[in-house]
């Protein structure tokens, strides 16, 4: 009897590992299709083929194309939060360094996310959440620079910091103007230092 029971935990463990690998492959396929700009036109069949599974397997794991994308973006969100909240609060040079490192990894993806605001519901919702995450990060990263300000003065400085640290600001400097990283860093630091040095 024991000889019949012994292999079961192994078979169950192997099955669970295989399911986890399948799930990871599908999430990676969705991630790549989205960030390569093909999400709107791609199909369940293409996604499944890219992951090396069948369409039925994809549906069994995620239920729909939209849910697959949502789970892929949520998975990335954890990495983003870890990176952004490692910024040294109050240290303007260090905060900008954190920001540039993050945008170099995720900036193009963030731009695509922003462009999705008028698209499928899941993209619009993720874009909304991403904007709120950025606002919260600004308040964390520049807490000392916002401390003591009240009312319109605080709102004005917060809004300026949000704009200066926005992914589109980075994109204009780094891509449209093709400035070197060191120059982008210097520009942002000078602008932020100038802003926080203004009378309250």
C-alpha atoms as a PDB file:
ATOM      1  CA  UNK A   1       0.000   0.000   0.000  1.00  0.00           C
ATOM      2  CA  UNK A   2       2.758   2.431   0.927  1.00  0.00           C
ATOM      3  CA  UNK A   3       4.478   1.792  -2.424  1.00  0.00           C
ATOM      4  CA  UNK A   4       1.322   3.001  -4.175  1.00  0.00           C
ATOM      5  CA  UNK A   5       1.012   6.138  -2.038  1.00  0.00           C
ATOM      6  CA  UNK A   6       4.642   7.286  -2.076  1.00  0.00           C
ATOM      7  CA  UNK A   7       4.771   8.662  -5.665  1.00  0.00           C
ATOM      8  CA  UNK A   8       1.666  10.840  -5.238  1.00  0.00           C
ATOM      9  CA  UNK A   9       3.278  13.817  -3.470  1.00  0.00           C
ATOM     10  CA  UNK A  10       5.945  13.816  -6.175  1.00  0.00           C
ATOM     11  CA  UNK A  11       3.363  13.729  -8.981  1.00  0.00           C
ATOM     12  CA  UNK A  12       1.370  16.497  -7.301  1.00  0.00           C
ATOM     13  CA  UNK A  13       4.517  18.560  -6.796  1.00  0.00           C
ATOM     14  CA  UNK A  14       5.597  18.085 -10.397  1.00  0.00           C
ATOM     15  CA  UNK A  15       2.110  19.023 -11.599  1.00  0.00           C
ATOM     16  CA  UNK A  16       2.140  22.195  -9.477  1.00  0.00           C
ATOM     17  CA  UNK A  17       5.569  23.147 -10.783  1.00  0.00           C
ATOM     18  CA  UNK A  18       4.451  22.592 -14.369  1.00  0.00           C
ATOM     19  CA  UNK A  19       1.377  24.775 -13.779  1.00  0.00           C
ATOM     20  CA  UNK A  20       3.561  27.490 -12.288  1.00  0.00           C
ATOM     21  CA  UNK A  21       5.902  27.377 -15.308  1.00  0.00           C
ATOM     22  CA  UNK A  22       2.917  27.584 -17.655  1.00  0.00           C
ATOM     23  CA  UNK A  23       1.507  30.550 -15.773  1.00  0.00           C
ATOM     24  CA  UNK A  24       4.876  32.318 -15.811  1.00  0.00           C
ATOM     25  CA  UNK A  25       5.268  31.716 -19.561  1.00  0.00           C
ATOM     26  CA  UNK A  26       1.808  33.150 -20.247  1.00  0.00           C
ATOM     27  CA  UNK A  27       2.485  36.218 -18.104  1.00  0.00           C
ATOM     28  CA  UNK A  28       5.770  36.773 -19.909  1.00  0.00           C
ATOM     29  CA  UNK A  29       4.068  36.423 -23.300  1.00  0.00           C
ATOM     30  CA  UNK A  30       1.437  38.992 -22.309  1.00  0.00           C
ATOM     31  CA  UNK A  31       4.107  41.331 -20.981  1.00  0.00           C
ATOM     32  CA  UNK A  32       6.084  41.150 -24.225  1.00  0.00           C
ATOM     33  CA  UNK A  33       3.072  41.559 -26.510  1.00  0.00           C
ATOM     34  CA  UNK A  34       1.860  44.565 -24.542  1.00  0.00           C
ATOM     35  CA  UNK A  35       5.183  46.367 -24.302  1.00  0.00           C
ATOM     36  CA  UNK A  36       6.056  45.640 -27.924  1.00  0.00           C
ATOM     37  CA  UNK A  37       2.882  47.513 -28.850  1.00  0.00           C
ATOM     38  CA  UNK A  38       0.839  44.639 -30.264  1.00  0.00           C
ATOM     39  CA  UNK A  39      -1.676  44.034 -27.476  1.00  0.00           C
ATOM     40  CA  UNK A  40      -4.735  45.455 -29.225  1.00  0.00           C
ATOM     41  CA  UNK A  41      -4.234  43.298 -32.309  1.00  0.00           C
ATOM     42  CA  UNK A  42      -2.852  40.131 -30.730  1.00  0.00           C
ATOM     43  CA  UNK A  43      -5.099  37.116 -30.176  1.00  0.00           C
ATOM     44  CA  UNK A  44      -5.438  34.434 -27.536  1.00  0.00           C
ATOM     45  CA  UNK A  45      -4.014  31.960 -30.030  1.00  0.00           C
ATOM     46  CA  UNK A  46      -0.910  34.091 -30.602  1.00  0.00           C
ATOM     47  CA  UNK A  47      -0.388  34.576 -26.863  1.00  0.00           C
ATOM     48  CA  UNK A  48      -0.759  30.872 -26.189  1.00  0.00           C
ATOM     49  CA  UNK A  49       1.627  29.954 -29.004  1.00  0.00           C
ATOM     50  CA  UNK A  50       4.207  32.416 -27.734  1.00  0.00           C
ATOM     51  CA  UNK A  51       4.015  30.764 -24.314  1.00  0.00           C
ATOM     52  CA  UNK A  52       4.210  27.285 -25.832  1.00  0.00           C
ATOM     53  CA  UNK A  53       0.737  26.196 -24.714  1.00  0.00           C
ATOM     54  CA  UNK A  54      -2.751  25.888 -26.162  1.00  0.00           C
ATOM     55  CA  UNK A  55      -5.479  28.507 -26.165  1.00  0.00           C
ATOM     56  CA  UNK A  56      -7.515  26.237 -23.887  1.00  0.00           C
ATOM     57  CA  UNK A  57      -4.655  26.156 -21.373  1.00  0.00           C
ATOM     58  CA  UNK A  58      -4.491  29.960 -21.384  1.00  0.00           C
ATOM     59  CA  UNK A  59      -8.222  30.205 -20.726  1.00  0.00           C
ATOM     60  CA  UNK A  60      -8.012  27.600 -17.978  1.00  0.00           C
ATOM     61  CA  UNK A  61      -5.370  29.664 -16.165  1.00  0.00           C
ATOM     62  CA  UNK A  62      -6.689  33.194 -16.733  1.00  0.00           C
ATOM     63  CA  UNK A  63     -10.171  33.033 -18.230  1.00  0.00           C
ATOM     64  CA  UNK A  64      -9.700  35.889 -20.695  1.00  0.00           C
ATOM     65  CA  UNK A  65      -7.166  38.015 -22.534  1.00  0.00           C
ATOM     66  CA  UNK A  66      -8.001  41.001 -20.325  1.00  0.00           C
ATOM     67  CA  UNK A  67      -7.435  39.068 -17.097  1.00  0.00           C
ATOM     68  CA  UNK A  68      -4.090  37.783 -18.406  1.00  0.00           C
ATOM     69  CA  UNK A  69      -2.919  41.335 -19.077  1.00  0.00           C
ATOM     70  CA  UNK A  70      -4.170  42.537 -15.704  1.00  0.00           C
ATOM     71  CA  UNK A  71      -2.218  39.822 -13.888  1.00  0.00           C
ATOM     72  CA  UNK A  72       0.921  40.568 -15.924  1.00  0.00           C
ATOM     73  CA  UNK A  73       0.723  44.260 -15.051  1.00  0.00           C
ATOM     74  CA  UNK A  74      -0.001  43.557 -11.382  1.00  0.00           C
ATOM     75  CA  UNK A  75       3.056  41.306 -11.237  1.00  0.00           C
ATOM     76  CA  UNK A  76       5.191  44.160 -12.583  1.00  0.00           C
ATOM     77  CA  UNK A  77       3.631  46.610 -10.144  1.00  0.00           C
ATOM     78  CA  UNK A  78       5.310  44.896  -7.198  1.00  0.00           C
ATOM     79  CA  UNK A  79       8.740  45.349  -8.783  1.00  0.00           C
ATOM     80  CA  UNK A  80       7.972  48.986  -9.564  1.00  0.00           C
ATOM     81  CA  UNK A  81       6.941  49.753  -5.981  1.00  0.00           C
ATOM     82  CA  UNK A  82      10.090  48.138  -4.586  1.00  0.00           C
ATOM     83  CA  UNK A  83      12.261  50.243  -6.907  1.00  0.00           C
ATOM     84  CA  UNK A  84      10.476  53.560  -6.430  1.00  0.00           C
ATOM     85  CA  UNK A  85      10.238  53.351  -2.651  1.00  0.00           C
ATOM     86  CA  UNK A  86      13.974  52.678  -2.338  1.00  0.00           C
ATOM     87  CA  UNK A  87      14.512  56.396  -3.121  1.00  0.00           C
ATOM     88  CA  UNK A  88      16.362  58.279  -0.352  1.00  0.00           C
ATOM     89  CA  UNK A  89      13.591  60.611   0.812  1.00  0.00           C
ATOM     90  CA  UNK A  90      14.658  64.242   0.855  1.00  0.00           C
ATOM     91  CA  UNK A  91      17.987  63.717  -0.951  1.00  0.00           C
ATOM     92  CA  UNK A  92      17.243  65.461  -4.254  1.00  0.00           C
ATOM     93  CA  UNK A  93      20.241  64.050  -6.125  1.00  0.00           C
ATOM     94  CA  UNK A  94      19.537  60.544  -4.839  1.00  0.00           C
ATOM     95  CA  UNK A  95      15.834  60.816  -5.598  1.00  0.00           C
ATOM     96  CA  UNK A  96      16.554  61.870  -9.194  1.00  0.00           C
ATOM     97  CA  UNK A  97      19.032  59.001  -9.539  1.00  0.00           C
ATOM     98  CA  UNK A  98      16.325  56.593  -8.365  1.00  0.00           C
ATOM     99  CA  UNK A  99      13.882  58.116 -10.821  1.00  0.00           C
ATOM    100  CA  UNK A 100      16.234  57.858 -13.814  1.00  0.00           C
ATOM    101  CA  UNK A 101      17.176  54.255 -12.994  1.00  0.00           C
ATOM    102  CA  UNK A 102      13.493  53.391 -12.781  1.00  0.00           C
ATOM    103  CA  UNK A 103      12.568  55.112 -16.047  1.00  0.00           C
ATOM    104  CA  UNK A 104      15.470  53.489 -17.872  1.00  0.00           C
ATOM    105  CA  UNK A 105      13.936  50.124 -16.969  1.00  0.00           C
ATOM    106  CA  UNK A 106      10.237  50.978 -17.081  1.00  0.00           C
ATOM    107  CA  UNK A 107       9.851  54.347 -18.803  1.00  0.00           C
ATOM    108  CA  UNK A 108       8.856  53.076 -22.217  1.00  0.00           C
ATOM    109  CA  UNK A 109       6.369  50.719 -20.603  1.00  0.00           C
ATOM    110  CA  UNK A 110       4.940  53.590 -18.583  1.00  0.00           C
ATOM    111  CA  UNK A 111       4.492  55.632 -21.756  1.00  0.00           C
ATOM    112  CA  UNK A 112       2.563  52.760 -23.333  1.00  0.00           C
ATOM    113  CA  UNK A 113       0.453  52.453 -20.210  1.00  0.00           C
ATOM    114  CA  UNK A 114      -0.412  56.125 -20.362  1.00  0.00           C
ATOM    115  CA  UNK A 115      -1.348  55.785 -24.017  1.00  0.00           C
ATOM    116  CA  UNK A 116      -3.791  53.041 -22.997  1.00  0.00           C
ATOM    117  CA  UNK A 117      -6.032  55.399 -21.052  1.00  0.00           C
ATOM    118  CA  UNK A 118      -8.490  55.582 -23.913  1.00  0.00           C
ATOM    119  CA  UNK A 119      -8.302  51.864 -24.677  1.00  0.00           C
ATOM    120  CA  UNK A 120      -9.613  48.741 -22.906  1.00  0.00           C
ATOM    121  CA  UNK A 121     -10.978  49.199 -19.399  1.00  0.00           C
ATOM    122  CA  UNK A 122      -8.118  47.272 -17.796  1.00  0.00           C
ATOM    123  CA  UNK A 123      -5.521  49.585 -19.361  1.00  0.00           C
ATOM    124  CA  UNK A 124      -7.412  52.700 -18.340  1.00  0.00           C
ATOM    125  CA  UNK A 125      -7.644  51.433 -14.752  1.00  0.00           C
ATOM    126  CA  UNK A 126      -3.973  50.458 -14.581  1.00  0.00           C
ATOM    127  CA  UNK A 127      -3.012  53.878 -15.981  1.00  0.00           C
ATOM    128  CA  UNK A 128      -5.137  55.565 -13.296  1.00  0.00           C
ATOM    129  CA  UNK A 129      -3.514  53.519 -10.534  1.00  0.00           C
ATOM    130  CA  UNK A 130      -0.037  54.221 -11.954  1.00  0.00           C
ATOM    131  CA  UNK A 131      -0.702  57.965 -11.833  1.00  0.00           C
ATOM    132  CA  UNK A 132      -1.737  57.703  -8.192  1.00  0.00           C
ATOM    133  CA  UNK A 133       1.389  55.677  -7.390  1.00  0.00           C
ATOM    134  CA  UNK A 134       3.488  58.467  -8.922  1.00  0.00           C
ATOM    135  CA  UNK A 135       1.680  61.108  -6.841  1.00  0.00           C
ATOM    136  CA  UNK A 136       2.225  59.074  -3.671  1.00  0.00           C
ATOM    137  CA  UNK A 137       5.901  58.582  -4.542  1.00  0.00           C
ATOM    138  CA  UNK A 138       6.401  62.333  -4.956  1.00  0.00           C
ATOM    139  CA  UNK A 139       4.982  62.909  -1.471  1.00  0.00           C
ATOM    140  CA  UNK A 140       7.280  60.202  -0.066  1.00  0.00           C
ATOM    141  CA  UNK A 141      10.434  61.179  -1.960  1.00  0.00           C
ATOM    142  CA  UNK A 142      10.058  64.907  -1.291  1.00  0.00           C
ATOM    143  CA  UNK A 143       8.481  64.752   2.152  1.00  0.00           C
ATOM    144  CA  UNK A 144      11.072  67.131   3.685  1.00  0.00           C
ATOM    145  CA  UNK A 145      10.615  69.585   0.809  1.00  0.00           C
ATOM    146  CA  UNK A 146       6.838  69.555   1.304  1.00  0.00           C
ATOM    147  CA  UNK A 147       6.943  69.660   5.093  1.00  0.00           C
ATOM    148  CA  UNK A 148       5.628  72.843   6.612  1.00  0.00           C
ATOM    149  CA  UNK A 149       3.747  73.932   3.501  1.00  0.00           C
ATOM    150  CA  UNK A 150      -0.001  74.297   3.711  1.00  0.00           C
ATOM    151  CA  UNK A 151      -2.911  74.920   1.401  1.00  0.00           C
ATOM    152  CA  UNK A 152      -2.207  76.401  -2.022  1.00  0.00           C
ATOM    153  CA  UNK A 153       1.549  76.686  -1.422  1.00  0.00           C
ATOM    154  CA  UNK A 154       1.824  72.951  -0.776  1.00  0.00           C
ATOM    155  CA  UNK A 155      -0.484  72.048  -3.651  1.00  0.00           C
ATOM    156  CA  UNK A 156       1.535  74.233  -6.036  1.00  0.00           C
ATOM    157  CA  UNK A 157       4.899  72.714  -5.049  1.00  0.00           C
ATOM    158  CA  UNK A 158       3.492  69.179  -5.120  1.00  0.00           C
ATOM    159  CA  UNK A 159       2.055  69.750  -8.607  1.00  0.00           C
ATOM    160  CA  UNK A 160       5.384  71.103  -9.865  1.00  0.00           C
ATOM    161  CA  UNK A 161       7.282  68.105  -8.447  1.00  0.00           C
ATOM    162  CA  UNK A 162       4.803  65.706 -10.015  1.00  0.00           C
ATOM    163  CA  UNK A 163       5.315  67.349 -13.414  1.00  0.00           C
ATOM    164  CA  UNK A 164       9.114  67.563 -13.162  1.00  0.00           C
ATOM    165  CA  UNK A 165       9.351  63.890 -12.184  1.00  0.00           C
ATOM    166  CA  UNK A 166       6.782  62.638 -14.691  1.00  0.00           C
ATOM    167  CA  UNK A 167       7.791  59.988 -17.211  1.00  0.00           C
ATOM    168  CA  UNK A 168       6.953  62.343 -20.086  1.00  0.00           C
ATOM    169  CA  UNK A 169       9.428  64.931 -18.764  1.00  0.00           C
ATOM    170  CA  UNK A 170      12.101  62.225 -18.702  1.00  0.00           C
ATOM    171  CA  UNK A 171      11.089  61.082 -22.196  1.00  0.00           C
ATOM    172  CA  UNK A 172      11.406  64.575 -23.684  1.00  0.00           C
ATOM    173  CA  UNK A 173      14.852  65.088 -22.161  1.00  0.00           C
ATOM    174  CA  UNK A 174      16.234  61.600 -22.780  1.00  0.00           C
ATOM    175  CA  UNK A 175      14.609  60.705 -26.107  1.00  0.00           C
ATOM    176  CA  UNK A 176      13.199  63.720 -27.898  1.00  0.00           C
ATOM    177  CA  UNK A 177      16.237  65.871 -27.055  1.00  0.00           C
ATOM    178  CA  UNK A 178      18.608  62.875 -26.780  1.00  0.00           C
ATOM    179  CA  UNK A 179      20.451  64.382 -23.814  1.00  0.00           C
ATOM    180  CA  UNK A 180      23.044  62.250 -21.999  1.00  0.00           C
ATOM    181  CA  UNK A 181      21.929  60.728 -18.717  1.00  0.00           C
ATOM    182  CA  UNK A 182      24.254  62.934 -16.669  1.00  0.00           C
ATOM    183  CA  UNK A 183      22.773  66.030 -18.289  1.00  0.00           C
ATOM    184  CA  UNK A 184      19.211  64.864 -17.629  1.00  0.00           C
ATOM    185  CA  UNK A 185      20.157  64.274 -13.997  1.00  0.00           C
ATOM    186  CA  UNK A 186      21.709  67.723 -13.715  1.00  0.00           C
ATOM    187  CA  UNK A 187      18.722  69.481 -15.304  1.00  0.00           C
ATOM    188  CA  UNK A 188      16.196  67.786 -13.038  1.00  0.00           C
ATOM    189  CA  UNK A 189      18.247  68.384  -9.897  1.00  0.00           C
ATOM    190  CA  UNK A 190      18.693  72.076 -10.771  1.00  0.00           C
ATOM    191  CA  UNK A 191      14.992  72.523 -11.511  1.00  0.00           C
ATOM    192  CA  UNK A 192      13.898  70.820  -8.300  1.00  0.00           C
ATOM    193  CA  UNK A 193      16.456  72.645  -6.165  1.00  0.00           C
ATOM    194  CA  UNK A 194      15.316  75.926  -7.687  1.00  0.00           C
ATOM    195  CA  UNK A 195      11.705  75.079  -7.001  1.00  0.00           C
ATOM    196  CA  UNK A 196      12.174  74.169  -3.339  1.00  0.00           C
ATOM    197  CA  UNK A 197      14.407  77.231  -2.766  1.00  0.00           C
ATOM    198  CA  UNK A 198      11.562  79.560  -3.728  1.00  0.00           C
ATOM    199  CA  UNK A 199       9.886  81.469  -0.876  1.00  0.00           C
ATOM    200  CA  UNK A 200       6.956  79.552   0.620  1.00  0.00           C
END
